[in-house]
Amino acid sequence: MSKEYKKISIHQKLEYLINDLVDNELPLREALKEFETLYIETARKKYNGNKTRMAKALGIHRNTLHNLCKALNLE
């Protein structure tokens, strides 16, 4: 990652991403599903699949994480 990218805020990074999604006319539901999938998969890698630790890091209950993974077909 470049130094310039690391210097910009998370808000600015998300703005760039969102602008790209809107330009490509990606429906909101698909964008949210993609974001949730990548977010959970990243947490899964970081915490080696430990759902209790993943849920804590994501700020949700473990059962909520389980249901979300099921809804997104991540299990």
PDB file of N, CA and C in Angstrom:
ATOM      1  N   MET A   1       0.837  -1.177   0.000  1.00  0.00           N
ATOM      2  CA  MET A   1       0.000   0.000   0.000  1.00  0.00           C
ATOM      3  C   MET A   1       0.884   1.244   0.000  1.00  0.00           C
ATOM      4  N   SER A   2       0.503   2.221  -0.782  1.00  0.00           N
ATOM      5  CA  SER A   2       1.317   3.419  -0.879  1.00  0.00           C
ATOM      6  C   SER A   2       1.149   4.282   0.366  1.00  0.00           C
ATOM      7  N   LYS A   3       2.140   5.124   0.602  1.00  0.00           N
ATOM      8  CA  LYS A   3       2.087   6.027   1.758  1.00  0.00           C
ATOM      9  C   LYS A   3       0.922   7.000   1.632  1.00  0.00           C
ATOM     10  N   GLU A   4       0.646   7.442   0.414  1.00  0.00           N
ATOM     11  CA  GLU A   4      -0.460   8.373   0.194  1.00  0.00           C
ATOM     12  C   GLU A   4      -1.788   7.738   0.588  1.00  0.00           C
ATOM     13  N   TYR A   5      -1.978   6.468   0.233  1.00  0.00           N
ATOM     14  CA  TYR A   5      -3.220   5.768   0.554  1.00  0.00           C
ATOM     15  C   TYR A   5      -3.373   5.632   2.063  1.00  0.00           C
ATOM     16  N   LYS A   6      -2.286   5.326   2.749  1.00  0.00           N
ATOM     17  CA  LYS A   6      -2.332   5.155   4.201  1.00  0.00           C
ATOM     18  C   LYS A   6      -2.654   6.466   4.912  1.00  0.00           C
ATOM     19  N   LYS A   7      -2.332   7.594   4.295  1.00  0.00           N
ATOM     20  CA  LYS A   7      -2.543   8.890   4.926  1.00  0.00           C
ATOM     21  C   LYS A   7      -3.987   9.365   4.877  1.00  0.00           C
ATOM     22  N   ILE A   8      -4.767   8.899   3.899  1.00  0.00           N
ATOM     23  CA  ILE A   8      -6.136   9.395   3.794  1.00  0.00           C
ATOM     24  C   ILE A   8      -7.032   8.671   4.808  1.00  0.00           C
ATOM     25  N   SER A   9      -8.092   9.338   5.229  1.00  0.00           N
ATOM     26  CA  SER A   9      -8.989   8.789   6.247  1.00  0.00           C
ATOM     27  C   SER A   9      -9.836   7.657   5.683  1.00  0.00           C
ATOM     28  N   ILE A  10     -10.400   6.879   6.592  1.00  0.00           N
ATOM     29  CA  ILE A  10     -11.295   5.793   6.178  1.00  0.00           C
ATOM     30  C   ILE A  10     -12.495   6.365   5.423  1.00  0.00           C
ATOM     31  N   HIS A  11     -12.945   7.530   5.833  1.00  0.00           N
ATOM     32  CA  HIS A  11     -14.068   8.187   5.160  1.00  0.00           C
ATOM     33  C   HIS A  11     -13.722   8.481   3.694  1.00  0.00           C
ATOM     34  N   GLN A  12     -12.533   8.996   3.450  1.00  0.00           N
ATOM     35  CA  GLN A  12     -12.107   9.299   2.086  1.00  0.00           C
ATOM     36  C   GLN A  12     -11.958   8.016   1.259  1.00  0.00           C
ATOM     37  N   LYS A  13     -11.420   6.964   1.880  1.00  0.00           N
ATOM     38  CA  LYS A  13     -11.274   5.689   1.173  1.00  0.00           C
ATOM     39  C   LYS A  13     -12.643   5.146   0.769  1.00  0.00           C
ATOM     40  N   LEU A  14     -13.599   5.235   1.687  1.00  0.00           N
ATOM     41  CA  LEU A  14     -14.946   4.756   1.377  1.00  0.00           C
ATOM     42  C   LEU A  14     -15.605   5.613   0.297  1.00  0.00           C
ATOM     43  N   GLU A  15     -15.359   6.916   0.326  1.00  0.00           N
ATOM     44  CA  GLU A  15     -15.917   7.788  -0.713  1.00  0.00           C
ATOM     45  C   GLU A  15     -15.435   7.374  -2.099  1.00  0.00           C
ATOM     46  N   TYR A  16     -14.145   7.073  -2.226  1.00  0.00           N
ATOM     47  CA  TYR A  16     -13.605   6.628  -3.514  1.00  0.00           C
ATOM     48  C   TYR A  16     -14.296   5.343  -3.964  1.00  0.00           C
ATOM     49  N   LEU A  17     -14.426   4.404  -3.050  1.00  0.00           N
ATOM     50  CA  LEU A  17     -15.061   3.130  -3.361  1.00  0.00           C
ATOM     51  C   LEU A  17     -16.522   3.333  -3.753  1.00  0.00           C
ATOM     52  N   ILE A  18     -17.241   4.121  -2.980  1.00  0.00           N
ATOM     53  CA  ILE A  18     -18.659   4.352  -3.248  1.00  0.00           C
ATOM     54  C   ILE A  18     -18.857   5.053  -4.585  1.00  0.00           C
ATOM     55  N   ASN A  19     -18.012   6.013  -4.887  1.00  0.00           N
ATOM     56  CA  ASN A  19     -18.102   6.685  -6.191  1.00  0.00           C
ATOM     57  C   ASN A  19     -17.950   5.681  -7.328  1.00  0.00           C
ATOM     58  N   ASP A  20     -17.029   4.749  -7.177  1.00  0.00           N
ATOM     59  CA  ASP A  20     -16.814   3.723  -8.191  1.00  0.00           C
ATOM     60  C   ASP A  20     -18.043   2.820  -8.313  1.00  0.00           C
ATOM     61  N   LEU A  21     -18.625   2.439  -7.178  1.00  0.00           N
ATOM     62  CA  LEU A  21     -19.816   1.588  -7.196  1.00  0.00           C
ATOM     63  C   LEU A  21     -20.992   2.296  -7.864  1.00  0.00           C
ATOM     64  N   VAL A  22     -21.173   3.573  -7.557  1.00  0.00           N
ATOM     65  CA  VAL A  22     -22.272   4.337  -8.160  1.00  0.00           C
ATOM     66  C   VAL A  22     -22.033   4.515  -9.653  1.00  0.00           C
ATOM     67  N   ASP A  23     -20.790   4.810 -10.025  1.00  0.00           N
ATOM     68  CA  ASP A  23     -20.464   4.965 -11.450  1.00  0.00           C
ATOM     69  C   ASP A  23     -20.777   3.684 -12.232  1.00  0.00           C
ATOM     70  N   ASN A  24     -20.571   2.543 -11.594  1.00  0.00           N
ATOM     71  CA  ASN A  24     -20.836   1.253 -12.240  1.00  0.00           C
ATOM     72  C   ASN A  24     -22.262   0.769 -12.013  1.00  0.00           C
ATOM     73  N   GLU A  25     -23.075   1.611 -11.398  1.00  0.00           N
ATOM     74  CA  GLU A  25     -24.493   1.348 -11.167  1.00  0.00           C
ATOM     75  C   GLU A  25     -24.749   0.019 -10.450  1.00  0.00           C
ATOM     76  N   LEU A  26     -23.929  -0.272  -9.446  1.00  0.00           N
ATOM     77  CA  LEU A  26     -24.127  -1.465  -8.637  1.00  0.00           C
ATOM     78  C   LEU A  26     -25.260  -1.195  -7.649  1.00  0.00           C
ATOM     79  N   PRO A  27     -26.299  -2.041  -7.642  1.00  0.00           N
ATOM     80  CA  PRO A  27     -27.409  -1.832  -6.713  1.00  0.00           C
ATOM     81  C   PRO A  27     -26.942  -1.864  -5.257  1.00  0.00           C
ATOM     82  N   LEU A  28     -27.599  -1.083  -4.420  1.00  0.00           N
ATOM     83  CA  LEU A  28     -27.218  -0.964  -3.020  1.00  0.00           C
ATOM     84  C   LEU A  28     -27.185  -2.318  -2.320  1.00  0.00           C
ATOM     85  N   ARG A  29     -28.191  -3.138  -2.543  1.00  0.00           N
ATOM     86  CA  ARG A  29     -28.228  -4.455  -1.887  1.00  0.00           C
ATOM     87  C   ARG A  29     -27.010  -5.305  -2.252  1.00  0.00           C
ATOM     88  N   GLU A  30     -26.613  -5.271  -3.498  1.00  0.00           N
ATOM     89  CA  GLU A  30     -25.435  -6.039  -3.929  1.00  0.00           C
ATOM     90  C   GLU A  30     -24.163  -5.467  -3.316  1.00  0.00           C
ATOM     91  N   ALA A  31     -24.061  -4.145  -3.254  1.00  0.00           N
ATOM     92  CA  ALA A  31     -22.892  -3.500  -2.658  1.00  0.00           C
ATOM     93  C   ALA A  31     -22.783  -3.847  -1.181  1.00  0.00           C
ATOM     94  N   LEU A  32     -23.904  -3.811  -0.464  1.00  0.00           N
ATOM     95  CA  LEU A  32     -23.903  -4.151   0.962  1.00  0.00           C
ATOM     96  C   LEU A  32     -23.541  -5.613   1.180  1.00  0.00           C
ATOM     97  N   LYS A  33     -24.086  -6.485   0.341  1.00  0.00           N
ATOM     98  CA  LYS A  33     -23.775  -7.914   0.466  1.00  0.00           C
ATOM     99  C   LYS A  33     -22.289  -8.157   0.230  1.00  0.00           C
ATOM    100  N   GLU A  34     -21.741  -7.521  -0.777  1.00  0.00           N
ATOM    101  CA  GLU A  34     -20.308  -7.673  -1.082  1.00  0.00           C
ATOM    102  C   GLU A  34     -19.452  -7.153   0.065  1.00  0.00           C
ATOM    103  N   PHE A  35     -19.836  -5.992   0.606  1.00  0.00           N
ATOM    104  CA  PHE A  35     -19.090  -5.419   1.725  1.00  0.00           C
ATOM    105  C   PHE A  35     -19.131  -6.346   2.938  1.00  0.00           C
ATOM    106  N   GLU A  36     -20.317  -6.825   3.291  1.00  0.00           N
ATOM    107  CA  GLU A  36     -20.456  -7.712   4.445  1.00  0.00           C
ATOM    108  C   GLU A  36     -19.658  -8.995   4.252  1.00  0.00           C
ATOM    109  N   THR A  37     -19.714  -9.542   3.061  1.00  0.00           N
ATOM    110  CA  THR A  37     -18.975 -10.773   2.773  1.00  0.00           C
ATOM    111  C   THR A  37     -17.472 -10.562   2.951  1.00  0.00           C
ATOM    112  N   LEU A  38     -16.946  -9.513   2.351  1.00  0.00           N
ATOM    113  CA  LEU A  38     -15.509  -9.246   2.463  1.00  0.00           C
ATOM    114  C   LEU A  38     -15.105  -8.914   3.900  1.00  0.00           C
ATOM    115  N   TYR A  39     -15.947  -8.189   4.600  1.00  0.00           N
ATOM    116  CA  TYR A  39     -15.672  -7.806   5.985  1.00  0.00           C
ATOM    117  C   TYR A  39     -15.583  -9.048   6.873  1.00  0.00           C
ATOM    118  N   ILE A  40     -16.551  -9.950   6.718  1.00  0.00           N
ATOM    119  CA  ILE A  40     -16.566 -11.174   7.519  1.00  0.00           C
ATOM    120  C   ILE A  40     -15.408 -12.089   7.135  1.00  0.00           C
ATOM    121  N   GLU A  41     -15.132 -12.226   5.847  1.00  0.00           N
ATOM    122  CA  GLU A  41     -14.027 -13.078   5.399  1.00  0.00           C
ATOM    123  C   GLU A  41     -12.682 -12.554   5.913  1.00  0.00           C
ATOM    124  N   THR A  42     -12.522 -11.252   5.944  1.00  0.00           N
ATOM    125  CA  THR A  42     -11.284 -10.664   6.469  1.00  0.00           C
ATOM    126  C   THR A  42     -11.147 -10.966   7.955  1.00  0.00           C
ATOM    127  N   ALA A  43     -12.237 -10.826   8.700  1.00  0.00           N
ATOM    128  CA  ALA A  43     -12.223 -11.157  10.129  1.00  0.00           C
ATOM    129  C   ALA A  43     -11.956 -12.644  10.331  1.00  0.00           C
ATOM    130  N   ARG A  44     -12.545 -13.474   9.475  1.00  0.00           N
ATOM    131  CA  ARG A  44     -12.334 -14.923   9.584  1.00  0.00           C
ATOM    132  C   ARG A  44     -10.852 -15.271   9.432  1.00  0.00           C
ATOM    133  N   LYS A  45     -10.185 -14.643   8.487  1.00  0.00           N
ATOM    134  CA  LYS A  45      -8.751 -14.891   8.296  1.00  0.00           C
ATOM    135  C   LYS A  45      -7.951 -14.408   9.499  1.00  0.00           C
ATOM    136  N   LYS A  46      -8.272 -13.221   9.984  1.00  0.00           N
ATOM    137  CA  LYS A  46      -7.522 -12.641  11.102  1.00  0.00           C
ATOM    138  C   LYS A  46      -7.660 -13.476  12.372  1.00  0.00           C
ATOM    139  N   TYR A  47      -8.861 -13.996  12.628  1.00  0.00           N
ATOM    140  CA  TYR A  47      -9.127 -14.738  13.861  1.00  0.00           C
ATOM    141  C   TYR A  47      -9.213 -16.240  13.637  1.00  0.00           C
ATOM    142  N   ASN A  48      -8.673 -16.705  12.522  1.00  0.00           N
ATOM    143  CA  ASN A  48      -8.596 -18.132  12.201  1.00  0.00           C
ATOM    144  C   ASN A  48      -9.938 -18.848  12.368  1.00  0.00           C
ATOM    145  N   GLY A  49     -11.017 -18.178  11.982  1.00  0.00           N
ATOM    146  CA  GLY A  49     -12.334 -18.791  12.010  1.00  0.00           C
ATOM    147  C   GLY A  49     -12.996 -18.845  13.371  1.00  0.00           C
ATOM    148  N   ASN A  50     -12.371 -18.288  14.409  1.00  0.00           N
ATOM    149  CA  ASN A  50     -12.954 -18.286  15.752  1.00  0.00           C
ATOM    150  C   ASN A  50     -14.107 -17.283  15.783  1.00  0.00           C
ATOM    151  N   LYS A  51     -15.334 -17.815  15.745  1.00  0.00           N
ATOM    152  CA  LYS A  51     -16.508 -16.947  15.617  1.00  0.00           C
ATOM    153  C   LYS A  51     -16.726 -16.056  16.832  1.00  0.00           C
ATOM    154  N   THR A  52     -16.358 -16.514  18.012  1.00  0.00           N
ATOM    155  CA  THR A  52     -16.518 -15.684  19.202  1.00  0.00           C
ATOM    156  C   THR A  52     -15.637 -14.448  19.096  1.00  0.00           C
ATOM    157  N   ARG A  53     -14.390 -14.638  18.710  1.00  0.00           N
ATOM    158  CA  ARG A  53     -13.467 -13.502  18.558  1.00  0.00           C
ATOM    159  C   ARG A  53     -13.862 -12.619  17.380  1.00  0.00           C
ATOM    160  N   MET A  54     -14.327 -13.251  16.309  1.00  0.00           N
ATOM    161  CA  MET A  54     -14.779 -12.484  15.144  1.00  0.00           C
ATOM    162  C   MET A  54     -15.950 -11.590  15.522  1.00  0.00           C
ATOM    163  N   ALA A  55     -16.938 -12.164  16.198  1.00  0.00           N
ATOM    164  CA  ALA A  55     -18.125 -11.410  16.587  1.00  0.00           C
ATOM    165  C   ALA A  55     -17.757 -10.243  17.493  1.00  0.00           C
ATOM    166  N   LYS A  56     -16.870 -10.484  18.434  1.00  0.00           N
ATOM    167  CA  LYS A  56     -16.437  -9.412  19.338  1.00  0.00           C
ATOM    168  C   LYS A  56     -15.775  -8.291  18.553  1.00  0.00           C
ATOM    169  N   ALA A  57     -14.901  -8.639  17.623  1.00  0.00           N
ATOM    170  CA  ALA A  57     -14.201  -7.636  16.815  1.00  0.00           C
ATOM    171  C   ALA A  57     -15.171  -6.859  15.918  1.00  0.00           C
ATOM    172  N   LEU A  58     -16.226  -7.523  15.446  1.00  0.00           N
ATOM    173  CA  LEU A  58     -17.200  -6.884  14.576  1.00  0.00           C
ATOM    174  C   LEU A  58     -18.282  -6.138  15.354  1.00  0.00           C
ATOM    175  N   GLY A  59     -18.306  -6.329  16.672  1.00  0.00           N
ATOM    176  CA  GLY A  59     -19.269  -5.630  17.514  1.00  0.00           C
ATOM    177  C   GLY A  59     -20.675  -6.192  17.437  1.00  0.00           C
ATOM    178  N   ILE A  60     -20.766  -7.504  17.165  1.00  0.00           N
ATOM    179  CA  ILE A  60     -22.076  -8.151  17.093  1.00  0.00           C
ATOM    180  C   ILE A  60     -22.051  -9.417  17.938  1.00  0.00           C
ATOM    181  N   HIS A  61     -23.221  -9.940  18.251  1.00  0.00           N
ATOM    182  CA  HIS A  61     -23.327 -11.180  19.019  1.00  0.00           C
ATOM    183  C   HIS A  61     -22.925 -12.354  18.126  1.00  0.00           C
ATOM    184  N   ARG A  62     -22.391 -13.388  18.745  1.00  0.00           N
ATOM    185  CA  ARG A  62     -21.953 -14.566  18.000  1.00  0.00           C
ATOM    186  C   ARG A  62     -23.101 -15.197  17.214  1.00  0.00           C
ATOM    187  N   ASN A  63     -24.296 -15.229  17.792  1.00  0.00           N
ATOM    188  CA  ASN A  63     -25.449 -15.786  17.070  1.00  0.00           C
ATOM    189  C   ASN A  63     -25.813 -14.930  15.860  1.00  0.00           C
ATOM    190  N   THR A  64     -25.664 -13.616  15.996  1.00  0.00           N
ATOM    191  CA  THR A  64     -25.924 -12.716  14.875  1.00  0.00           C
ATOM    192  C   THR A  64     -24.925 -12.986  13.756  1.00  0.00           C
ATOM    193  N   LEU A  65     -23.667 -13.195  14.127  1.00  0.00           N
ATOM    194  CA  LEU A  65     -22.638 -13.529  13.132  1.00  0.00           C
ATOM    195  C   LEU A  65     -22.985 -14.841  12.444  1.00  0.00           C
ATOM    196  N   HIS A  66     -23.396 -15.832  13.222  1.00  0.00           N
ATOM    197  CA  HIS A  66     -23.773 -17.127  12.647  1.00  0.00           C
ATOM    198  C   HIS A  66     -24.905 -16.953  11.626  1.00  0.00           C
ATOM    199  N   ASN A  67     -25.933 -16.200  12.007  1.00  0.00           N
ATOM    200  CA  ASN A  67     -27.076 -15.984  11.110  1.00  0.00           C
ATOM    201  C   ASN A  67     -26.680 -15.186   9.868  1.00  0.00           C
ATOM    202  N   LEU A  68     -25.810 -14.223  10.035  1.00  0.00           N
ATOM    203  CA  LEU A  68     -25.344 -13.430   8.902  1.00  0.00           C
ATOM    204  C   LEU A  68     -24.534 -14.291   7.942  1.00  0.00           C
ATOM    205  N   CYS A  69     -23.656 -15.126   8.484  1.00  0.00           N
ATOM    206  CA  CYS A  69     -22.873 -16.025   7.637  1.00  0.00           C
ATOM    207  C   CYS A  69     -23.793 -16.979   6.862  1.00  0.00           C
ATOM    208  N   LYS A  70     -24.819 -17.453   7.538  1.00  0.00           N
ATOM    209  CA  LYS A  70     -25.781 -18.352   6.894  1.00  0.00           C
ATOM    210  C   LYS A  70     -26.516 -17.617   5.763  1.00  0.00           C
ATOM    211  N   ALA A  71     -26.951 -16.396   6.029  1.00  0.00           N
ATOM    212  CA  ALA A  71     -27.677 -15.605   5.029  1.00  0.00           C
ATOM    213  C   ALA A  71     -26.803 -15.276   3.815  1.00  0.00           C
ATOM    214  N   LEU A  72     -25.500 -15.091   4.055  1.00  0.00           N
ATOM    215  CA  LEU A  72     -24.571 -14.756   2.975  1.00  0.00           C
ATOM    216  C   LEU A  72     -23.931 -15.997   2.341  1.00  0.00           C
ATOM    217  N   ASN A  73     -24.353 -17.190   2.782  1.00  0.00           N
ATOM    218  CA  ASN A  73     -23.806 -18.466   2.287  1.00  0.00           C
ATOM    219  C   ASN A  73     -22.299 -18.549   2.495  1.00  0.00           C
ATOM    220  N   LEU A  74     -21.844 -18.192   3.699  1.00  0.00           N
ATOM    221  CA  LEU A  74     -20.419 -18.223   3.996  1.00  0.00           C
ATOM    222  C   LEU A  74     -20.022 -19.453   4.795  1.00  0.00           C
ATOM    223  N   GLU A  75     -20.958 -20.344   5.040  1.00  0.00           N
ATOM    224  CA  GLU A  75     -20.627 -21.531   5.836  1.00  0.00           C
ATOM    225  C   GLU A  75     -20.606 -22.760   4.975  1.00  0.00           C
TER     226      GLU A  75
END
